[in-house]
PDB file of N, CA and C in Angstrom:
ATOM      1  N   MET A   1      57.570 121.253  88.363  1.00  0.00           N
ATOM      2  CA  MET A   1      56.664 122.383  88.574  1.00  0.00           C
ATOM      3  C   MET A   1      57.128 123.185  89.798  1.00  0.00           C
ATOM      4  N   ALA A   2      57.081 124.473  89.690  1.00  0.00           N
ATOM      5  CA  ALA A   2      57.459 125.341  90.803  1.00  0.00           C
ATOM      6  C   ALA A   2      56.398 125.254  91.898  1.00  0.00           C
ATOM      7  N   THR A   3      56.811 125.501  93.124  1.00  0.00           N
ATOM      8  CA  THR A   3      55.857 125.487  94.240  1.00  0.00           C
ATOM      9  C   THR A   3      54.964 126.721  94.174  1.00  0.00           C
ATOM     10  N   VAL A   4      53.893 126.683  94.954  1.00  0.00           N
ATOM     11  CA  VAL A   4      52.992 127.840  95.030  1.00  0.00           C
ATOM     12  C   VAL A   4      53.783 129.071  95.460  1.00  0.00           C
ATOM     13  N   GLY A   5      54.630 128.915  96.474  1.00  0.00           N
ATOM     14  CA  GLY A   5      55.422 130.038  96.970  1.00  0.00           C
ATOM     15  C   GLY A   5      56.337 130.630  95.914  1.00  0.00           C
ATOM     16  N   GLU A   6      56.999 129.772  95.158  1.00  0.00           N
ATOM     17  CA  GLU A   6      57.906 130.245  94.098  1.00  0.00           C
ATOM     18  C   GLU A   6      57.129 130.990  93.011  1.00  0.00           C
ATOM     19  N   ARG A   7      55.965 130.459  92.663  1.00  0.00           N
ATOM     20  CA  ARG A   7      55.151 131.093  91.627  1.00  0.00           C
ATOM     21  C   ARG A   7      54.608 132.438  92.106  1.00  0.00           C
ATOM     22  N   ILE A   8      54.204 132.514  93.365  1.00  0.00           N
ATOM     23  CA  ILE A   8      53.714 133.778  93.926  1.00  0.00           C
ATOM     24  C   ILE A   8      54.832 134.811  93.949  1.00  0.00           C
ATOM     25  N   LYS A   9      56.024 134.392  94.362  1.00  0.00           N
ATOM     26  CA  LYS A   9      57.168 135.314  94.380  1.00  0.00           C
ATOM     27  C   LYS A   9      57.488 135.812  92.973  1.00  0.00           C
ATOM     28  N   ALA A  10      57.425 134.931  91.982  1.00  0.00           N
ATOM     29  CA  ALA A  10      57.734 135.314  90.603  1.00  0.00           C
ATOM     30  C   ALA A  10      56.734 136.345  90.085  1.00  0.00           C
ATOM     31  N   VAL A  11      55.444 136.112  90.335  1.00  0.00           N
ATOM     32  CA  VAL A  11      54.410 137.049  89.890  1.00  0.00           C
ATOM     33  C   VAL A  11      54.547 138.373  90.631  1.00  0.00           C
ATOM     34  N   THR A  12      54.764 138.308  91.937  1.00  0.00           N
ATOM     35  CA  THR A  12      54.920 139.520  92.750  1.00  0.00           C
ATOM     36  C   THR A  12      56.109 140.341  92.248  1.00  0.00           C
ATOM     37  N   ALA A  13      57.212 139.662  91.977  1.00  0.00           N
ATOM     38  CA  ALA A  13      58.421 140.344  91.488  1.00  0.00           C
ATOM     39  C   ALA A  13      58.150 141.027  90.150  1.00  0.00           C
ATOM     40  N   GLN A  14      57.412 140.342  89.287  1.00  0.00           N
ATOM     41  CA  GLN A  14      57.097 140.899  87.966  1.00  0.00           C
ATOM     42  C   GLN A  14      56.228 142.148  88.087  1.00  0.00           C
ATOM     43  N   VAL A  15      55.176 142.081  88.897  1.00  0.00           N
ATOM     44  CA  VAL A  15      54.242 143.205  89.026  1.00  0.00           C
ATOM     45  C   VAL A  15      54.892 144.388  89.749  1.00  0.00           C
ATOM     46  N   LEU A  16      55.663 144.102  90.805  1.00  0.00           N
ATOM     47  CA  LEU A  16      56.235 145.182  91.614  1.00  0.00           C
ATOM     48  C   LEU A  16      57.664 145.541  91.216  1.00  0.00           C
ATOM     49  N   LYS A  17      58.159 144.916  90.141  1.00  0.00           N
ATOM     50  CA  LYS A  17      59.511 145.194  89.633  1.00  0.00           C
ATOM     51  C   LYS A  17      60.574 144.972  90.714  1.00  0.00           C
ATOM     52  N   LEU A  18      60.541 143.778  91.304  1.00  0.00           N
ATOM     53  CA  LEU A  18      61.484 143.410  92.369  1.00  0.00           C
ATOM     54  C   LEU A  18      62.264 142.166  91.963  1.00  0.00           C
ATOM     55  N   ASN A  19      63.329 141.888  92.702  1.00  0.00           N
ATOM     56  CA  ASN A  19      64.082 140.644  92.532  1.00  0.00           C
ATOM     57  C   ASN A  19      63.361 139.563  93.338  1.00  0.00           C
ATOM     58  N   PRO A  20      62.927 138.458  92.688  1.00  0.00           N
ATOM     59  CA  PRO A  20      62.181 137.427  93.426  1.00  0.00           C
ATOM     60  C   PRO A  20      62.966 136.841  94.600  1.00  0.00           C
ATOM     61  N   GLU A  21      64.292 136.864  94.511  1.00  0.00           N
ATOM     62  CA  GLU A  21      65.109 136.299  95.594  1.00  0.00           C
ATOM     63  C   GLU A  21      65.080 137.174  96.842  1.00  0.00           C
ATOM     64  N   GLU A  22      64.670 138.421  96.699  1.00  0.00           N
ATOM     65  CA  GLU A  22      64.609 139.318  97.856  1.00  0.00           C
ATOM     66  C   GLU A  22      63.257 139.274  98.563  1.00  0.00           C
ATOM     67  N   ILE A  23      62.288 138.575  97.986  1.00  0.00           N
ATOM     68  CA  ILE A  23      60.945 138.508  98.565  1.00  0.00           C
ATOM     69  C   ILE A  23      60.905 137.370  99.583  1.00  0.00           C
ATOM     70  N   LYS A  24      60.466 137.707 100.804  1.00  0.00           N
ATOM     71  CA  LYS A  24      60.390 136.713 101.877  1.00  0.00           C
ATOM     72  C   LYS A  24      58.926 136.410 102.210  1.00  0.00           C
ATOM     73  N   MET A  25      58.695 135.217 102.757  1.00  0.00           N
ATOM     74  CA  MET A  25      57.336 134.792 103.086  1.00  0.00           C
ATOM     75  C   MET A  25      56.655 135.742 104.072  1.00  0.00           C
ATOM     76  N   GLU A  26      57.441 136.345 104.971  1.00  0.00           N
ATOM     77  CA  GLU A  26      56.840 137.211 105.988  1.00  0.00           C
ATOM     78  C   GLU A  26      56.637 138.649 105.493  1.00  0.00           C
ATOM     79  N   ASP A  27      57.084 138.945 104.274  1.00  0.00           N
ATOM     80  CA  ASP A  27      56.940 140.302 103.734  1.00  0.00           C
ATOM     81  C   ASP A  27      55.473 140.670 103.520  1.00  0.00           C
ATOM     82  N   SER A  28      55.137 141.887 103.930  1.00  0.00           N
ATOM     83  CA  SER A  28      53.819 142.443 103.659  1.00  0.00           C
ATOM     84  C   SER A  28      53.848 143.032 102.248  1.00  0.00           C
ATOM     85  N   PHE A  29      52.789 142.759 101.479  1.00  0.00           N
ATOM     86  CA  PHE A  29      52.731 143.291 100.112  1.00  0.00           C
ATOM     87  C   PHE A  29      52.821 144.819 100.107  1.00  0.00           C
ATOM     88  N   THR A  30      52.146 145.472 101.060  1.00  0.00           N
ATOM     89  CA  THR A  30      52.140 146.934 101.061  1.00  0.00           C
ATOM     90  C   THR A  30      53.303 147.513 101.855  1.00  0.00           C
ATOM     91  N   ALA A  31      53.446 147.122 103.112  1.00  0.00           N
ATOM     92  CA  ALA A  31      54.456 147.741 103.979  1.00  0.00           C
ATOM     93  C   ALA A  31      55.888 147.409 103.541  1.00  0.00           C
ATOM     94  N   ASP A  32      56.152 146.145 103.206  1.00  0.00           N
ATOM     95  CA  ASP A  32      57.525 145.731 102.885  1.00  0.00           C
ATOM     96  C   ASP A  32      57.852 145.805 101.393  1.00  0.00           C
ATOM     97  N   LEU A  33      56.874 145.473 100.557  1.00  0.00           N
ATOM     98  CA  LEU A  33      57.146 145.388  99.115  1.00  0.00           C
ATOM     99  C   LEU A  33      56.650 146.605  98.342  1.00  0.00           C
ATOM    100  N   GLY A  34      55.921 147.485  99.012  1.00  0.00           N
ATOM    101  CA  GLY A  34      55.542 148.750  98.395  1.00  0.00           C
ATOM    102  C   GLY A  34      54.374 148.696  97.424  1.00  0.00           C
ATOM    103  N   ALA A  35      53.540 147.662  97.508  1.00  0.00           N
ATOM    104  CA  ALA A  35      52.395 147.565  96.595  1.00  0.00           C
ATOM    105  C   ALA A  35      51.370 148.647  96.931  1.00  0.00           C
ATOM    106  N   GLU A  36      50.912 149.351  95.899  1.00  0.00           N
ATOM    107  CA  GLU A  36      49.836 150.327  96.074  1.00  0.00           C
ATOM    108  C   GLU A  36      48.533 149.636  95.690  1.00  0.00           C
ATOM    109  N   SER A  37      47.415 150.293  95.936  1.00  0.00           N
ATOM    110  CA  SER A  37      46.120 149.634  95.738  1.00  0.00           C
ATOM    111  C   SER A  37      45.921 149.132  94.310  1.00  0.00           C
ATOM    112  N   VAL A  38      46.348 149.909  93.329  1.00  0.00           N
ATOM    113  CA  VAL A  38      46.210 149.482  91.931  1.00  0.00           C
ATOM    114  C   VAL A  38      47.051 148.223  91.694  1.00  0.00           C
ATOM    115  N   GLN A  39      48.243 148.204  92.258  1.00  0.00           N
ATOM    116  CA  GLN A  39      49.115 147.031  92.093  1.00  0.00           C
ATOM    117  C   GLN A  39      48.554 145.818  92.821  1.00  0.00           C
ATOM    118  N   SER A  40      47.897 146.034  93.952  1.00  0.00           N
ATOM    119  CA  SER A  40      47.286 144.914  94.678  1.00  0.00           C
ATOM    120  C   SER A  40      46.220 144.246  93.824  1.00  0.00           C
ATOM    121  N   ILE A  41      45.418 145.064  93.135  1.00  0.00           N
ATOM    122  CA  ILE A  41      44.384 144.521  92.242  1.00  0.00           C
ATOM    123  C   ILE A  41      45.041 143.789  91.072  1.00  0.00           C
ATOM    124  N   GLU A  42      46.126 144.360  90.553  1.00  0.00           N
ATOM    125  CA  GLU A  42      46.855 143.711  89.470  1.00  0.00           C
ATOM    126  C   GLU A  42      47.438 142.369  89.931  1.00  0.00           C
ATOM    127  N   LEU A  43      47.947 142.330  91.161  1.00  0.00           N
ATOM    128  CA  LEU A  43      48.481 141.073  91.705  1.00  0.00           C
ATOM    129  C   LEU A  43      47.397 140.007  91.767  1.00  0.00           C
ATOM    130  N   VAL A  44      46.215 140.373  92.251  1.00  0.00           N
ATOM    131  CA  VAL A  44      45.107 139.408  92.327  1.00  0.00           C
ATOM    132  C   VAL A  44      44.807 138.848  90.937  1.00  0.00           C
ATOM    133  N   ALA A  45      44.723 139.725  89.937  1.00  0.00           N
ATOM    134  CA  ALA A  45      44.434 139.293  88.561  1.00  0.00           C
ATOM    135  C   ALA A  45      45.542 138.384  88.032  1.00  0.00           C
ATOM    136  N   MET A  46      46.783 138.732  88.316  1.00  0.00           N
ATOM    137  CA  MET A  46      47.915 137.931  87.838  1.00  0.00           C
ATOM    138  C   MET A  46      47.974 136.568  88.537  1.00  0.00           C
ATOM    139  N   PHE A  47      47.648 136.533  89.831  1.00  0.00           N
ATOM    140  CA  PHE A  47      47.613 135.253  90.541  1.00  0.00           C
ATOM    141  C   PHE A  47      46.514 134.364  89.968  1.00  0.00           C
ATOM    142  N   GLU A  48      45.368 134.961  89.667  1.00  0.00           N
ATOM    143  CA  GLU A  48      44.273 134.185  89.071  1.00  0.00           C
ATOM    144  C   GLU A  48      44.716 133.587  87.738  1.00  0.00           C
ATOM    145  N   GLU A  49      45.399 134.389  86.946  1.00  0.00           N
ATOM    146  CA  GLU A  49      45.878 133.925  85.645  1.00  0.00           C
ATOM    147  C   GLU A  49      46.948 132.840  85.811  1.00  0.00           C
ATOM    148  N   GLU A  50      47.891 133.078  86.719  1.00  0.00           N
ATOM    149  CA  GLU A  50      48.992 132.136  86.945  1.00  0.00           C
ATOM    150  C   GLU A  50      48.489 130.760  87.369  1.00  0.00           C
ATOM    151  N   PHE A  51      47.478 130.760  88.253  1.00  0.00           N
ATOM    152  CA  PHE A  51      47.013 129.492  88.821  1.00  0.00           C
ATOM    153  C   PHE A  51      45.741 128.958  88.170  1.00  0.00           C
ATOM    154  N   GLY A  52      45.143 129.743  87.268  1.00  0.00           N
ATOM    155  CA  GLY A  52      43.917 129.291  86.613  1.00  0.00           C
ATOM    156  C   GLY A  52      42.749 129.181  87.569  1.00  0.00           C
ATOM    157  N   ILE A  53      42.653 130.159  88.478  1.00  0.00           N
ATOM    158  CA  ILE A  53      41.595 130.154  89.491  1.00  0.00           C
ATOM    159  C   ILE A  53      40.849 131.476  89.469  1.00  0.00           C
ATOM    160  N   GLU A  54      39.732 131.513  90.213  1.00  0.00           N
ATOM    161  CA  GLU A  54      39.017 132.760  90.443  1.00  0.00           C
ATOM    162  C   GLU A  54      38.947 132.977  91.939  1.00  0.00           C
ATOM    163  N   MET A  55      39.335 134.185  92.370  1.00  0.00           N
ATOM    164  CA  MET A  55      39.323 134.502  93.795  1.00  0.00           C
ATOM    165  C   MET A  55      38.289 135.583  94.065  1.00  0.00           C
ATOM    166  N   GLU A  56      37.688 135.517  95.243  1.00  0.00           N
ATOM    167  CA  GLU A  56      36.776 136.570  95.693  1.00  0.00           C
ATOM    168  C   GLU A  56      37.660 137.778  95.984  1.00  0.00           C
ATOM    169  N   GLU A  57      37.423 138.880  95.281  1.00  0.00           N
ATOM    170  CA  GLU A  57      38.356 140.005  95.305  1.00  0.00           C
ATOM    171  C   GLU A  57      38.586 140.578  96.701  1.00  0.00           C
ATOM    172  N   ASP A  58      37.524 140.788  97.474  1.00  0.00           N
ATOM    173  CA  ASP A  58      37.704 141.366  98.812  1.00  0.00           C
ATOM    174  C   ASP A  58      38.532 140.453  99.706  1.00  0.00           C
ATOM    175  N   ALA A  59      38.265 139.152  99.628  1.00  0.00           N
ATOM    176  CA  ALA A  59      39.043 138.198 100.423  1.00  0.00           C
ATOM    177  C   ALA A  59      40.504 138.194  99.985  1.00  0.00           C
ATOM    178  N   ALA A  60      40.721 138.205  98.673  1.00  0.00           N
ATOM    179  CA  ALA A  60      42.084 138.196  98.141  1.00  0.00           C
ATOM    180  C   ALA A  60      42.838 139.464  98.536  1.00  0.00           C
ATOM    181  N   LEU A  61      42.163 140.602  98.490  1.00  0.00           N
ATOM    182  CA  LEU A  61      42.814 141.873  98.824  1.00  0.00           C
ATOM    183  C   LEU A  61      43.077 142.008 100.324  1.00  0.00           C
ATOM    184  N   SER A  62      42.426 141.188 101.145  1.00  0.00           N
ATOM    185  CA  SER A  62      42.664 141.257 102.590  1.00  0.00           C
ATOM    186  C   SER A  62      43.911 140.466 102.998  1.00  0.00           C
ATOM    187  N   VAL A  63      44.465 139.688 102.076  1.00  0.00           N
ATOM    188  CA  VAL A  63      45.689 138.927 102.357  1.00  0.00           C
ATOM    189  C   VAL A  63      46.850 139.916 102.488  1.00  0.00           C
ATOM    190  N   GLN A  64      47.585 139.825 103.598  1.00  0.00           N
ATOM    191  CA  GLN A  64      48.601 140.834 103.897  1.00  0.00           C
ATOM    192  C   GLN A  64      50.014 140.444 103.482  1.00  0.00           C
ATOM    193  N   THR A  65      50.397 139.175 103.727  1.00  0.00           N
ATOM    194  CA  THR A  65      51.794 138.790 103.500  1.00  0.00           C
ATOM    195  C   THR A  65      51.914 137.748 102.394  1.00  0.00           C
ATOM    196  N   VAL A  66      53.132 137.570 101.926  1.00  0.00           N
ATOM    197  CA  VAL A  66      53.410 136.574 100.887  1.00  0.00           C
ATOM    198  C   VAL A  66      53.038 135.182 101.403  1.00  0.00           C
ATOM    199  N   GLY A  67      53.405 134.884 102.644  1.00  0.00           N
ATOM    200  CA  GLY A  67      53.068 133.580 103.237  1.00  0.00           C
ATOM    201  C   GLY A  67      51.571 133.357 103.316  1.00  0.00           C
ATOM    202  N   ASP A  68      50.831 134.406 103.691  1.00  0.00           N
ATOM    203  CA  ASP A  68      49.366 134.304 103.737  1.00  0.00           C
ATOM    204  C   ASP A  68      48.804 134.054 102.345  1.00  0.00           C
ATOM    205  N   ALA A  69      49.426 134.669 101.340  1.00  0.00           N
ATOM    206  CA  ALA A  69      48.976 134.473  99.954  1.00  0.00           C
ATOM    207  C   ALA A  69      49.174 133.024  99.524  1.00  0.00           C
ATOM    208  N   VAL A  70      50.294 132.429  99.933  1.00  0.00           N
ATOM    209  CA  VAL A  70      50.550 131.017  99.609  1.00  0.00           C
ATOM    210  C   VAL A  70      49.428 130.152 100.178  1.00  0.00           C
ATOM    211  N   GLU A  71      49.104 130.384 101.449  1.00  0.00           N
ATOM    212  CA  GLU A  71      48.055 129.603 102.112  1.00  0.00           C
ATOM    213  C   GLU A  71      46.694 129.848 101.452  1.00  0.00           C
ATOM    214  N   PHE A  72      46.374 131.113 101.196  1.00  0.00           N
ATOM    215  CA  PHE A  72      45.085 131.483 100.600  1.00  0.00           C
ATOM    216  C   PHE A  72      44.932 130.868  99.210  1.00  0.00           C
ATOM    217  N   ILE A  73      45.947 131.032  98.371  1.00  0.00           N
ATOM    218  CA  ILE A  73      45.868 130.538  96.996  1.00  0.00           C
ATOM    219  C   ILE A  73      45.866 129.009  96.962  1.00  0.00           C
ATOM    220  N   THR A  74      46.643 128.385  97.846  1.00  0.00           N
ATOM    221  CA  THR A  74      46.628 126.915  97.925  1.00  0.00           C
ATOM    222  C   THR A  74      45.221 126.424  98.246  1.00  0.00           C
ATOM    223  N   ASN A  75      44.550 127.086  99.193  1.00  0.00           N
ATOM    224  CA  ASN A  75      43.181 126.693  99.567  1.00  0.00           C
ATOM    225  C   ASN A  75      42.204 126.911  98.418  1.00  0.00           C
ATOM    226  N   VAL A  76      42.329 128.039  97.711  1.00  0.00           N
ATOM    227  CA  VAL A  76      41.440 128.317  96.569  1.00  0.00           C
ATOM    228  C   VAL A  76      41.662 127.260  95.482  1.00  0.00           C
ATOM    229  N   CYS A  77      42.926 126.911  95.246  1.00  0.00           N
ATOM    230  CA  CYS A  77      43.225 125.881  94.238  1.00  0.00           C
ATOM    231  C   CYS A  77      42.574 124.559  94.604  1.00  0.00           C
ATOM    232  N   LYS A  78      42.658 124.176  95.890  1.00  0.00           N
ATOM    233  CA  LYS A  78      42.029 122.928  96.340  1.00  0.00           C
ATOM    234  C   LYS A  78      40.519 122.981  96.127  1.00  0.00           C
ATOM    235  N   GLU A  79      39.913 124.104  96.527  1.00  0.00           N
ATOM    236  CA  GLU A  79      38.461 124.262  96.383  1.00  0.00           C
ATOM    237  C   GLU A  79      38.027 124.158  94.923  1.00  0.00           C
ATOM    238  N   GLN A  80      38.867 124.679  94.014  1.00  0.00           N
ATOM    239  CA  GLN A  80      38.491 124.726  92.600  1.00  0.00           C
ATOM    240  C   GLN A  80      39.099 123.568  91.796  1.00  0.00           C
ATOM    241  N   GLY A  81      39.705 122.607  92.498  1.00  0.00           N
ATOM    242  CA  GLY A  81      40.211 121.408  91.834  1.00  0.00           C
ATOM    243  C   GLY A  81      41.432 121.638  90.977  1.00  0.00           C
ATOM    244  N   VAL A  82      42.236 122.645  91.322  1.00  0.00           N
ATOM    245  CA  VAL A  82      43.468 122.917  90.573  1.00  0.00           C
ATOM    246  C   VAL A  82      44.635 122.282  91.322  1.00  0.00           C
ATOM    247  N   ASP A  83      45.386 121.441  90.635  1.00  0.00           N
ATOM    248  CA  ASP A  83      46.500 120.721  91.256  1.00  0.00           C
ATOM    249  C   ASP A  83      47.721 121.630  91.317  1.00  0.00           C
ATOM    250  N   VAL A  84      48.258 121.852  92.518  1.00  0.00           N
ATOM    251  CA  VAL A  84      49.460 122.679  92.678  1.00  0.00           C
ATOM    252  C   VAL A  84      50.468 121.948  93.545  1.00  0.00           C
ATOM    253  N   GLU A  85      51.711 122.307  93.359  1.00  0.00           N
ATOM    254  CA  GLU A  85      52.780 121.730  94.157  1.00  0.00           C
ATOM    255  C   GLU A  85      53.031 122.610  95.376  1.00  0.00           C
ATOM    256  N   GLN A  86      52.987 121.970  96.545  1.00  0.00           N
ATOM    257  CA  GLN A  86      53.182 122.723  97.772  1.00  0.00           C
ATOM    258  C   GLN A  86      54.656 122.888  97.990  1.00  0.00           C
TER     259      GLN A  86
END
C-alpha cells in the first residue's frame, strides 16, 4: 500500500495536472502548485474519495502545504477508523 504522502501527491498531480515526482512536502497548494479555489475544493473531494473519509470542508481548505495535508488526513483517518500506511 502506498503511504499517505504518496497517495496525496498522486491525487494532487492528477487534479492539478502535475508530475507527482515534482511535488514536495513543503509545497503550498496555491502558491507553489497553482491550485485555484475550485481546484482546492476538487482536491478535498478527491482526498475524501481516495481515503474513504469525510473531512470538515473549512478545516480541509485551511490546509496550506502537502505536508500539512498528510498530517491532517492521517489524523482524520485515525479519527474515522481508516487504516493508512504512514
